[in-house]
C-alpha atoms as a PDB file:
ATOM      1  CA  MET A   1      -1.376  14.630 -29.823  1.00  0.00           C
ATOM      2  CA  THR A   2      -3.553  13.799 -32.789  1.00  0.00           C
ATOM      3  CA  ASP A   3      -5.564  10.773 -34.076  1.00  0.00           C
ATOM      4  CA  THR A   4      -6.253   9.902 -30.429  1.00  0.00           C
ATOM      5  CA  HIS A   5      -9.018   7.999 -28.738  1.00  0.00           C
ATOM      6  CA  LEU A   6      -9.608   9.191 -25.212  1.00  0.00           C
ATOM      7  CA  ILE A   7     -11.256   6.825 -22.735  1.00  0.00           C
ATOM      8  CA  PHE A   8     -12.612   8.716 -19.807  1.00  0.00           C
ATOM      9  CA  ILE A   9     -13.401   6.962 -16.480  1.00  0.00           C
ATOM     10  CA  VAL A  10     -15.542   9.533 -14.637  1.00  0.00           C
ATOM     11  CA  ASN A  11     -16.670   9.766 -11.093  1.00  0.00           C
ATOM     12  CA  GLU A  12     -19.720  12.065 -11.373  1.00  0.00           C
ATOM     13  CA  HIS A  13     -19.985  12.276  -7.583  1.00  0.00           C
ATOM     14  CA  SER A  14     -16.715  14.306  -7.522  1.00  0.00           C
ATOM     15  CA  ARG A  15     -17.234  17.973  -7.102  1.00  0.00           C
ATOM     16  CA  LYS A  16     -17.113  18.823 -10.866  1.00  0.00           C
ATOM     17  CA  GLY A  17     -17.711  15.344 -12.229  1.00  0.00           C
ATOM     18  CA  LYS A  18     -21.169  15.998 -13.757  1.00  0.00           C
ATOM     19  CA  LYS A  19     -20.056  19.336 -15.156  1.00  0.00           C
ATOM     20  CA  PHE A  20     -17.206  17.472 -16.962  1.00  0.00           C
ATOM     21  CA  THR A  21     -19.508  14.968 -18.727  1.00  0.00           C
ATOM     22  CA  SER A  22     -22.063  17.689 -19.692  1.00  0.00           C
ATOM     23  CA  ASP A  23     -19.280  19.991 -21.163  1.00  0.00           C
ATOM     24  CA  LEU A  24     -17.038  17.336 -22.734  1.00  0.00           C
ATOM     25  CA  HIS A  25     -18.441  17.461 -26.267  1.00  0.00           C
ATOM     26  CA  ASP A  26     -17.977  21.234 -26.506  1.00  0.00           C
ATOM     27  CA  LEU A  27     -14.533  21.015 -24.931  1.00  0.00           C
ATOM     28  CA  LEU A  28     -13.336  18.506 -27.549  1.00  0.00           C
ATOM     29  CA  ASN A  29     -15.108  20.193 -30.472  1.00  0.00           C
ATOM     30  CA  ASN A  30     -11.901  21.931 -31.562  1.00  0.00           C
ATOM     31  CA  TYR A  31      -9.996  18.618 -31.726  1.00  0.00           C
ATOM     32  CA  LYS A  32     -11.263  17.128 -35.010  1.00  0.00           C
ATOM     33  CA  GLN A  33      -8.996  14.092 -34.852  1.00  0.00           C
ATOM     34  CA  VAL A  34      -9.820  13.073 -31.294  1.00  0.00           C
ATOM     35  CA  THR A  35     -12.608  10.613 -30.520  1.00  0.00           C
ATOM     36  CA  TYR A  36     -13.650   9.514 -27.029  1.00  0.00           C
ATOM     37  CA  ASP A  37     -15.756   7.166 -24.817  1.00  0.00           C
ATOM     38  CA  ILE A  38     -17.075   7.854 -21.381  1.00  0.00           C
ATOM     39  CA  HIS A  39     -17.430   5.281 -18.594  1.00  0.00           C
ATOM     40  CA  ILE A  40     -19.342   6.468 -15.570  1.00  0.00           C
ATOM     41  CA  THR A  41     -18.491   4.802 -12.163  1.00  0.00           C
ATOM     42  CA  GLU A  42     -21.557   3.515 -10.335  1.00  0.00           C
ATOM     43  CA  TYR A  43     -20.124   2.240  -7.041  1.00  0.00           C
ATOM     44  CA  ARG A  44     -16.922   2.169  -5.035  1.00  0.00           C
ATOM     45  CA  LYS A  45     -14.095   0.335  -6.806  1.00  0.00           C
ATOM     46  CA  HIS A  46     -16.026   0.381 -10.076  1.00  0.00           C
ATOM     47  CA  ALA A  47     -13.140   2.379 -11.611  1.00  0.00           C
ATOM     48  CA  VAL A  48     -10.809  -0.482 -10.681  1.00  0.00           C
ATOM     49  CA  GLU A  49     -12.860  -2.927 -12.652  1.00  0.00           C
ATOM     50  CA  ILE A  50     -13.268  -0.638 -15.698  1.00  0.00           C
ATOM     51  CA  ALA A  51      -9.561   0.256 -15.792  1.00  0.00           C
ATOM     52  CA  ASP A  52      -8.525  -3.421 -15.393  1.00  0.00           C
ATOM     53  CA  SER A  53     -10.809  -4.542 -18.189  1.00  0.00           C
ATOM     54  CA  LEU A  54      -9.934  -1.676 -20.586  1.00  0.00           C
ATOM     55  CA  SER A  55      -6.151  -1.912 -19.957  1.00  0.00           C
ATOM     56  CA  ARG A  56      -6.149  -5.431 -21.265  1.00  0.00           C
ATOM     57  CA  SER A  57      -7.541  -4.466 -24.692  1.00  0.00           C
ATOM     58  CA  ILE A  58      -6.673  -0.778 -25.149  1.00  0.00           C
ATOM     59  CA  GLY A  59      -5.374   0.208 -28.569  1.00  0.00           C
ATOM     60  CA  SER A  60      -2.076   1.953 -29.147  1.00  0.00           C
ATOM     61  CA  ASN A  61      -3.843   5.158 -30.105  1.00  0.00           C
ATOM     62  CA  SER A  62      -6.020   5.114 -26.975  1.00  0.00           C
ATOM     63  CA  LEU A  63      -5.423   6.870 -23.715  1.00  0.00           C
ATOM     64  CA  LEU A  64      -6.980   6.064 -20.324  1.00  0.00           C
ATOM     65  CA  VAL A  65      -8.073   9.273 -18.458  1.00  0.00           C
ATOM     66  CA  ALA A  66      -9.162   9.192 -14.751  1.00  0.00           C
ATOM     67  CA  VAL A  67     -11.679  12.021 -13.991  1.00  0.00           C
ATOM     68  CA  GLY A  68     -12.425  12.621 -10.432  1.00  0.00           C
ATOM     69  CA  GLY A  69     -10.576  13.087  -7.074  1.00  0.00           C
ATOM     70  CA  ASP A  70      -7.678  11.281  -5.667  1.00  0.00           C
ATOM     71  CA  GLY A  71      -9.782   8.263  -4.758  1.00  0.00           C
ATOM     72  CA  THR A  72     -10.840   7.869  -8.463  1.00  0.00           C
ATOM     73  CA  LEU A  73      -7.239   8.225  -9.649  1.00  0.00           C
ATOM     74  CA  ASN A  74      -6.253   5.569  -7.049  1.00  0.00           C
ATOM     75  CA  GLU A  75      -8.840   3.132  -8.371  1.00  0.00           C
ATOM     76  CA  VAL A  76      -7.755   3.605 -12.034  1.00  0.00           C
ATOM     77  CA  VAL A  77      -4.134   3.085 -11.083  1.00  0.00           C
ATOM     78  CA  GLN A  78      -5.100  -0.024  -9.123  1.00  0.00           C
ATOM     79  CA  GLY A  79      -6.920  -1.408 -12.158  1.00  0.00           C
ATOM     80  CA  VAL A  80      -4.013  -0.784 -14.462  1.00  0.00           C
ATOM     81  CA  VAL A  81      -1.630  -2.402 -11.947  1.00  0.00           C
ATOM     82  CA  GLN A  82      -3.868  -5.447 -11.728  1.00  0.00           C
ATOM     83  CA  SER A  83      -3.989  -5.725 -15.493  1.00  0.00           C
ATOM     84  CA  LYS A  84      -0.095  -5.644 -15.668  1.00  0.00           C
ATOM     85  CA  ALA A  85      -0.487  -3.340 -18.705  1.00  0.00           C
ATOM     86  CA  ASP A  86       2.287  -0.915 -19.478  1.00  0.00           C
ATOM     87  CA  ILE A  87      -0.019   2.007 -20.455  1.00  0.00           C
ATOM     88  CA  PRO A  88       0.169   5.687 -19.308  1.00  0.00           C
ATOM     89  CA  ILE A  89      -2.607   7.168 -17.212  1.00  0.00           C
ATOM     90  CA  ALA A  90      -3.879  10.639 -17.701  1.00  0.00           C
ATOM     91  CA  TYR A  91      -5.762  12.606 -15.064  1.00  0.00           C
ATOM     92  CA  ILE A  92      -8.278  15.442 -14.952  1.00  0.00           C
ATOM     93  CA  PRO A  93      -8.858  16.571 -11.303  1.00  0.00           C
ATOM     94  CA  THR A  94     -12.591  17.223 -10.517  1.00  0.00           C
ATOM     95  CA  GLY A  95     -12.593  16.345  -6.822  1.00  0.00           C
ATOM     96  CA  SER A  96     -12.417  18.471  -3.677  1.00  0.00           C
ATOM     97  CA  GLY A  97      -8.996  17.584  -2.411  1.00  0.00           C
ATOM     98  CA  ASN A  98      -6.936  17.001  -5.590  1.00  0.00           C
ATOM     99  CA  ASP A  99      -3.680  16.338  -3.741  1.00  0.00           C
ATOM    100  CA  PHE A 100      -2.050  14.562  -6.652  1.00  0.00           C
ATOM    101  CA  ALA A 101      -2.823  17.487  -8.949  1.00  0.00           C
ATOM    102  CA  GLN A 102      -1.429  19.912  -6.496  1.00  0.00           C
ATOM    103  CA  SER A 103       1.676  17.884  -6.010  1.00  0.00           C
ATOM    104  CA  ARG A 104       2.286  17.695  -9.724  1.00  0.00           C
ATOM    105  CA  ASN A 105       1.241  21.284 -10.476  1.00  0.00           C
ATOM    106  CA  LEU A 106      -1.650  20.190 -12.613  1.00  0.00           C
ATOM    107  CA  SER A 107      -4.399  22.608 -13.569  1.00  0.00           C
ATOM    108  CA  LYS A 108      -7.690  22.214 -11.906  1.00  0.00           C
ATOM    109  CA  LYS A 109      -9.535  23.722 -14.792  1.00  0.00           C
ATOM    110  CA  ILE A 110     -11.161  21.074 -17.038  1.00  0.00           C
ATOM    111  CA  SER A 111     -10.525  22.870 -20.315  1.00  0.00           C
ATOM    112  CA  GLU A 112      -6.826  23.478 -19.461  1.00  0.00           C
ATOM    113  CA  SER A 113      -6.486  19.831 -18.357  1.00  0.00           C
ATOM    114  CA  ILE A 114      -7.724  18.587 -21.751  1.00  0.00           C
ATOM    115  CA  ASP A 115      -5.503  20.995 -23.629  1.00  0.00           C
ATOM    116  CA  HIS A 116      -2.548  19.805 -21.641  1.00  0.00           C
ATOM    117  CA  ILE A 117      -3.238  16.121 -22.137  1.00  0.00           C
ATOM    118  CA  LEU A 118      -3.575  16.601 -25.898  1.00  0.00           C
ATOM    119  CA  SER A 119      -0.290  18.562 -26.096  1.00  0.00           C
ATOM    120  CA  ILE A 120       1.907  15.874 -24.422  1.00  0.00           C
ATOM    121  CA  SER A 121       4.096  13.716 -26.629  1.00  0.00           C
ATOM    122  CA  GLU A 122       5.536  11.270 -24.105  1.00  0.00           C
ATOM    123  CA  PRO A 123       4.613   9.958 -20.559  1.00  0.00           C
ATOM    124  CA  THR A 124       6.242  10.853 -17.272  1.00  0.00           C
ATOM    125  CA  VAL A 125       7.343   7.863 -15.122  1.00  0.00           C
ATOM    126  CA  LEU A 126       6.447   8.169 -11.416  1.00  0.00           C
ATOM    127  CA  ASP A 127       6.585   6.017  -8.343  1.00  0.00           C
ATOM    128  CA  VAL A 128       3.442   4.393  -6.930  1.00  0.00           C
ATOM    129  CA  LEU A 129       3.283   2.859  -3.527  1.00  0.00           C
ATOM    130  CA  LEU A 130       2.335  -0.826  -3.608  1.00  0.00           C
ATOM    131  CA  GLY A 131       1.257  -2.198  -0.304  1.00  0.00           C
ATOM    132  CA  GLN A 132       0.368  -5.712   0.950  1.00  0.00           C
ATOM    133  CA  MET A 133      -2.096  -6.194   3.816  1.00  0.00           C
ATOM    134  CA  LYS A 134      -4.134  -9.096   5.252  1.00  0.00           C
ATOM    135  CA  ASP A 135      -7.076  -8.123   2.990  1.00  0.00           C
ATOM    136  CA  GLY A 136      -4.827  -8.119  -0.035  1.00  0.00           C
ATOM    137  CA  PRO A 137      -2.799  -5.612  -2.147  1.00  0.00           C
ATOM    138  CA  ILE A 138      -3.435  -1.912  -2.216  1.00  0.00           C
ATOM    139  CA  VAL A 139      -1.909   0.980  -4.202  1.00  0.00           C
ATOM    140  CA  ALA A 140      -1.325   4.609  -3.149  1.00  0.00           C
ATOM    141  CA  VAL A 141      -0.482   7.410  -5.444  1.00  0.00           C
ATOM    142  CA  ASN A 142      -0.102  10.047  -2.720  1.00  0.00           C
ATOM    143  CA  SER A 143       0.262   8.301   0.720  1.00  0.00           C
ATOM    144  CA  THR A 144      -0.971   5.547   2.941  1.00  0.00           C
ATOM    145  CA  GLY A 145      -0.782   5.068   6.765  1.00  0.00           C
ATOM    146  CA  TYR A 146      -2.367   4.834  10.056  1.00  0.00           C
ATOM    147  CA  GLY A 147      -3.574   7.095  12.860  1.00  0.00           C
ATOM    148  CA  ILE A 148      -5.204  10.469  13.036  1.00  0.00           C
ATOM    149  CA  ASP A 149      -5.606  10.876   9.305  1.00  0.00           C
ATOM    150  CA  GLY A 150      -7.573   7.587   9.179  1.00  0.00           C
ATOM    151  CA  THR A 151      -9.625   8.718  12.176  1.00  0.00           C
ATOM    152  CA  VAL A 152     -10.405  12.032  10.614  1.00  0.00           C
ATOM    153  CA  ILE A 153     -11.500  10.393   7.330  1.00  0.00           C
ATOM    154  CA  SER A 154     -13.683   7.956   9.308  1.00  0.00           C
ATOM    155  CA  LYS A 155     -15.404  10.810  11.021  1.00  0.00           C
ATOM    156  CA  MET A 156     -15.900  12.731   7.786  1.00  0.00           C
ATOM    157  CA  GLU A 157     -17.420   9.678   6.065  1.00  0.00           C
ATOM    158  CA  LYS A 158     -19.865   9.150   8.904  1.00  0.00           C
ATOM    159  CA  ASN A 159     -20.847  12.742   8.629  1.00  0.00           C
ATOM    160  CA  ARG A 160     -21.102  12.422   4.826  1.00  0.00           C
ATOM    161  CA  ASN A 161     -19.036  15.552   4.188  1.00  0.00           C
ATOM    162  CA  LYS A 162     -15.931  13.922   2.704  1.00  0.00           C
ATOM    163  CA  GLU A 163     -16.685  15.363  -0.672  1.00  0.00           C
ATOM    164  CA  THR A 164     -16.406  18.919   0.637  1.00  0.00           C
ATOM    165  CA  VAL A 165     -13.056  18.504   2.188  1.00  0.00           C
ATOM    166  CA  GLY A 166     -10.473  21.220   1.884  1.00  0.00           C
ATOM    167  CA  ARG A 167      -7.487  22.309   3.940  1.00  0.00           C
ATOM    168  CA  LEU A 168      -9.433  24.296   6.479  1.00  0.00           C
ATOM    169  CA  SER A 169     -12.207  21.732   6.995  1.00  0.00           C
ATOM    170  CA  TYR A 170      -9.648  18.975   7.328  1.00  0.00           C
ATOM    171  CA  LEU A 171      -7.561  20.933   9.839  1.00  0.00           C
ATOM    172  CA  MET A 172     -10.638  21.545  11.933  1.00  0.00           C
ATOM    173  CA  ASN A 173     -11.408  17.852  11.825  1.00  0.00           C
ATOM    174  CA  VAL A 174      -7.783  17.150  12.890  1.00  0.00           C
ATOM    175  CA  LEU A 175      -8.305  19.289  16.019  1.00  0.00           C
ATOM    176  CA  SER A 176     -11.481  17.369  16.731  1.00  0.00           C
ATOM    177  CA  GLY A 177      -9.908  13.984  15.937  1.00  0.00           C
ATOM    178  CA  TYR A 178      -7.029  14.733  18.316  1.00  0.00           C
ATOM    179  CA  PHE A 179      -9.309  14.081  21.307  1.00  0.00           C
ATOM    180  CA  SER A 180     -10.594  10.808  20.033  1.00  0.00           C
ATOM    181  CA  GLN A 181      -7.367   9.384  18.594  1.00  0.00           C
ATOM    182  CA  LYS A 182      -5.530   7.244  21.208  1.00  0.00           C
ATOM    183  CA  PRO A 183      -1.794   6.877  21.026  1.00  0.00           C
ATOM    184  CA  PHE A 184      -0.641   3.485  19.652  1.00  0.00           C
ATOM    185  CA  PRO A 185       2.624   1.635  19.378  1.00  0.00           C
ATOM    186  CA  VAL A 186       4.158   1.302  15.916  1.00  0.00           C
ATOM    187  CA  THR A 187       7.153  -0.661  14.565  1.00  0.00           C
ATOM    188  CA  ILE A 188       8.769   0.177  11.256  1.00  0.00           C
ATOM    189  CA  LYS A 189      11.185  -2.206   9.634  1.00  0.00           C
ATOM    190  CA  THR A 190      13.356  -1.058   6.749  1.00  0.00           C
ATOM    191  CA  PRO A 191      16.263  -2.692   5.013  1.00  0.00           C
ATOM    192  CA  GLU A 192      18.596  -0.311   6.790  1.00  0.00           C
ATOM    193  CA  LYS A 193      17.171   0.008  10.310  1.00  0.00           C
ATOM    194  CA  ASP A 194      14.174  -0.754  12.438  1.00  0.00           C
ATOM    195  CA  TYR A 195      12.247   1.863  14.476  1.00  0.00           C
ATOM    196  CA  PHE A 196       9.819   1.616  17.428  1.00  0.00           C
ATOM    197  CA  PHE A 197       7.563   4.248  18.989  1.00  0.00           C
ATOM    198  CA  GLU A 198       5.555   3.478  22.013  1.00  0.00           C
ATOM    199  CA  GLU A 199       2.979   6.296  21.655  1.00  0.00           C
ATOM    200  CA  SER A 200       2.283   7.468  18.123  1.00  0.00           C
ATOM    201  CA  MET A 201      -0.535   9.501  16.634  1.00  0.00           C
ATOM    202  CA  LEU A 202       0.335   9.047  12.979  1.00  0.00           C
ATOM    203  CA  VAL A 203       2.541   6.941  10.772  1.00  0.00           C
ATOM    204  CA  LEU A 204       2.584   7.837   7.089  1.00  0.00           C
ATOM    205  CA  CYS A 205       4.261   6.433   3.949  1.00  0.00           C
ATOM    206  CA  ALA A 206       4.251   9.438   1.633  1.00  0.00           C
ATOM    207  CA  ASN A 207       4.883   9.524  -2.136  1.00  0.00           C
ATOM    208  CA  GLN A 208       3.698  13.001  -2.838  1.00  0.00           C
ATOM    209  CA  LYS A 209       4.009  16.291  -0.990  1.00  0.00           C
ATOM    210  CA  TYR A 210       0.327  16.903  -0.247  1.00  0.00           C
ATOM    211  CA  PHE A 211      -2.559  15.023   1.428  1.00  0.00           C
ATOM    212  CA  ALA A 212      -5.941  15.790   2.927  1.00  0.00           C
ATOM    213  CA  GLY A 213      -7.042  18.551   0.671  1.00  0.00           C
ATOM    214  CA  GLY A 214      -3.776  20.397   0.052  1.00  0.00           C
ATOM    215  CA  ILE A 215      -1.812  19.952   3.370  1.00  0.00           C
ATOM    216  CA  PRO A 216       1.930  19.723   2.604  1.00  0.00           C
ATOM    217  CA  ILE A 217       2.457  16.884   5.005  1.00  0.00           C
ATOM    218  CA  HIS A 218       5.812  15.868   3.634  1.00  0.00           C
ATOM    219  CA  PRO A 219       7.529  18.757   1.751  1.00  0.00           C
ATOM    220  CA  LEU A 220      10.489  16.515   0.749  1.00  0.00           C
ATOM    221  CA  ALA A 221       8.473  13.644  -0.780  1.00  0.00           C
ATOM    222  CA  ASP A 222       9.584  12.969  -4.320  1.00  0.00           C
ATOM    223  CA  ALA A 223       7.607  10.577  -6.598  1.00  0.00           C
ATOM    224  CA  THR A 224      10.543  10.043  -8.980  1.00  0.00           C
ATOM    225  CA  ASP A 225      13.281   8.797  -6.659  1.00  0.00           C
ATOM    226  CA  GLY A 226      12.112   5.210  -5.946  1.00  0.00           C
ATOM    227  CA  MET A 227      11.977   5.969  -2.227  1.00  0.00           C
ATOM    228  CA  ILE A 228       9.225   5.869   0.433  1.00  0.00           C
ATOM    229  CA  ASP A 229       9.172   8.965   2.637  1.00  0.00           C
ATOM    230  CA  LEU A 230       8.112   7.932   6.216  1.00  0.00           C
ATOM    231  CA  LEU A 231       6.730  10.260   8.721  1.00  0.00           C
ATOM    232  CA  VAL A 232       5.923   9.340  12.349  1.00  0.00           C
ATOM    233  CA  ALA A 233       4.186  11.749  14.752  1.00  0.00           C
ATOM    234  CA  GLU A 234       4.516  10.891  18.385  1.00  0.00           C
ATOM    235  CA  LYS A 235       1.975  11.845  21.035  1.00  0.00           C
ATOM    236  CA  VAL A 236       1.814  15.623  21.444  1.00  0.00           C
ATOM    237  CA  THR A 237      -0.042  18.065  23.683  1.00  0.00           C
ATOM    238  CA  PHE A 238      -2.860  20.051  22.156  1.00  0.00           C
ATOM    239  CA  PHE A 239      -0.712  23.208  22.076  1.00  0.00           C
ATOM    240  CA  GLU A 240       2.093  21.212  20.384  1.00  0.00           C
ATOM    241  CA  LEU A 241      -0.378  20.127  17.747  1.00  0.00           C
ATOM    242  CA  LEU A 242      -1.418  23.671  17.081  1.00  0.00           C
ATOM    243  CA  SER A 243       2.275  24.666  16.722  1.00  0.00           C
ATOM    244  CA  ILE A 244       2.853  21.822  14.288  1.00  0.00           C
ATOM    245  CA  LEU A 245      -0.221  22.761  12.174  1.00  0.00           C
ATOM    246  CA  ILE A 246       0.928  26.386  12.046  1.00  0.00           C
ATOM    247  CA  LYS A 247       4.383  25.273  10.875  1.00  0.00           C
ATOM    248  CA  ILE A 248       2.835  23.071   8.192  1.00  0.00           C
ATOM    249  CA  MET A 249       0.640  25.730   6.824  1.00  0.00           C
ATOM    250  CA  THR A 250       3.044  28.666   6.932  1.00  0.00           C
ATOM    251  CA  LYS A 251       6.696  27.754   6.320  1.00  0.00           C
ATOM    252  CA  GLU A 252       6.375  23.971   5.854  1.00  0.00           C
ATOM    253  CA  SER A 253       8.997  23.671   8.589  1.00  0.00           C
ATOM    254  CA  HIS A 254       7.285  21.108  10.749  1.00  0.00           C
ATOM    255  CA  LEU A 255       9.665  18.241  10.067  1.00  0.00           C
ATOM    256  CA  SER A 256      12.075  19.890  12.427  1.00  0.00           C
ATOM    257  CA  HIS A 257       9.733  19.348  15.374  1.00  0.00           C
ATOM    258  CA  LYS A 258      11.035  17.053  18.062  1.00  0.00           C
ATOM    259  CA  LYS A 259       7.878  14.888  18.022  1.00  0.00           C
ATOM    260  CA  LEU A 260       8.029  14.393  14.233  1.00  0.00           C
ATOM    261  CA  HIS A 261      10.403  11.866  12.724  1.00  0.00           C
ATOM    262  CA  ALA A 262      11.128  11.529   8.983  1.00  0.00           C
ATOM    263  CA  TYR A 263      12.900   8.588   7.364  1.00  0.00           C
ATOM    264  CA  ARG A 264      13.468   7.336   3.828  1.00  0.00           C
ATOM    265  CA  ALA A 265      13.547   3.720   2.652  1.00  0.00           C
ATOM    266  CA  THR A 266      13.232   1.665  -0.466  1.00  0.00           C
ATOM    267  CA  SER A 267      10.724  -0.622   1.246  1.00  0.00           C
ATOM    268  CA  CYS A 268       9.227  -0.948   4.752  1.00  0.00           C
ATOM    269  CA  GLN A 269       6.902  -2.880   6.947  1.00  0.00           C
ATOM    270  CA  VAL A 270       4.645  -0.863   9.246  1.00  0.00           C
ATOM    271  CA  SER A 271       2.958  -2.677  12.165  1.00  0.00           C
ATOM    272  CA  VAL A 272       0.585  -1.061  14.608  1.00  0.00           C
ATOM    273  CA  GLY A 273       0.247  -2.614  18.049  1.00  0.00           C
ATOM    274  CA  LYS A 274      -3.506  -2.431  18.013  1.00  0.00           C
ATOM    275  CA  PRO A 275      -6.237  -1.864  15.350  1.00  0.00           C
ATOM    276  CA  GLN A 276      -6.239   1.635  13.873  1.00  0.00           C
ATOM    277  CA  TYR A 277      -8.047   3.493  11.137  1.00  0.00           C
ATOM    278  CA  GLY A 278      -5.814   3.644   8.093  1.00  0.00           C
ATOM    279  CA  GLN A 279      -6.038   5.355   4.678  1.00  0.00           C
ATOM    280  CA  ARG A 280      -4.627   5.190   1.210  1.00  0.00           C
ATOM    281  CA  ASP A 281      -5.124   8.256  -0.906  1.00  0.00           C
ATOM    282  CA  GLY A 282      -7.960   9.425   1.402  1.00  0.00           C
ATOM    283  CA  GLU A 283      -9.892   6.065   1.315  1.00  0.00           C
ATOM    284  CA  LEU A 284     -10.314   4.082   4.554  1.00  0.00           C
ATOM    285  CA  ILE A 285      -8.394   0.900   5.262  1.00  0.00           C
ATOM    286  CA  ASP A 286     -10.180  -1.611   7.484  1.00  0.00           C
ATOM    287  CA  PRO A 287      -8.701  -1.383  11.083  1.00  0.00           C
ATOM    288  CA  SER A 288      -8.170  -5.120  11.247  1.00  0.00           C
ATOM    289  CA  ASN A 289      -5.198  -4.649   8.879  1.00  0.00           C
ATOM    290  CA  THR A 290      -2.535  -3.986  11.437  1.00  0.00           C
ATOM    291  CA  THR A 291       0.504  -4.687   9.243  1.00  0.00           C
ATOM    292  CA  LEU A 292       1.369  -3.030   5.975  1.00  0.00           C
ATOM    293  CA  ASP A 293       4.257  -3.962   3.724  1.00  0.00           C
ATOM    294  CA  VAL A 294       5.161  -1.242   1.274  1.00  0.00           C
ATOM    295  CA  THR A 295       7.355  -1.044  -1.865  1.00  0.00           C
ATOM    296  CA  THR A 296       7.438   1.275  -4.896  1.00  0.00           C
ATOM    297  CA  ILE A 297       6.732   0.443  -8.533  1.00  0.00           C
ATOM    298  CA  LYS A 298       7.230   2.649 -11.610  1.00  0.00           C
ATOM    299  CA  LEU A 299       4.198   3.568 -13.728  1.00  0.00           C
ATOM    300  CA  PRO A 300       3.905   5.890 -16.768  1.00  0.00           C
ATOM    301  CA  PHE A 301       1.526   8.827 -16.408  1.00  0.00           C
ATOM    302  CA  TRP A 302       0.424  11.118 -19.200  1.00  0.00           C
ATOM    303  CA  LEU A 303       1.104  14.425 -17.323  1.00  0.00           C
END
């Protein structure tokens, strides 16, 4: 890819964000026909505003590049969706979890990421989850849902250690969160069938295989098929939870567990019977949003 202008939207609070900006000039020095601009995010949802604004005026030789973790990518995607622009989004993972990068087999090395972006000749079209809640629309590149995952993220944000999340630390927080997460009723309505569970611990709409720092929560999730992969976890004993976690991290065989239920749908409405912490791509959803309507849209990615 030559004669290209790269527009980087960078979250310097991500694990390798500051290293990216300090090394960028040297990294692009070998690409004489490539120019670039850097936009540094300054607050939550700033990347949404930047991506929305830039998407409306971006030139045909320009490429929008999200640099950060899954949350940064989520915000850039949200901005592009808001702008209604049909432009591809590139991504350089510099966060701690990087679930999208792992799901798409993207390199986590900055230099390799740039080389890859500049070698691509056409975009890849992927599904993105588009949700509607009381607070307004949301997007999710990886997953969105309610329950123990939201509870764990809430605890991690309060402890200010969310940026150091990895599989092991998240799993340890799941074990801790198990004792504070109360079972809740959930109703799922799909075009084909409705489902109800009296005592649930988790309900997830998945679009990619991984979440929470590299946990293969839904091994069958496919972001190219136009389908939402739903997962419901009913109330389990502590020892059943340990068994499920072992199955997840060893053979990815947990979907066969009797307390886990997997469905696929083109769209769905998820309603929880009482306020629960929720998340989309690792970012919290206000507990007052107890109903979530989800569909998929197609977006081009420069991957």
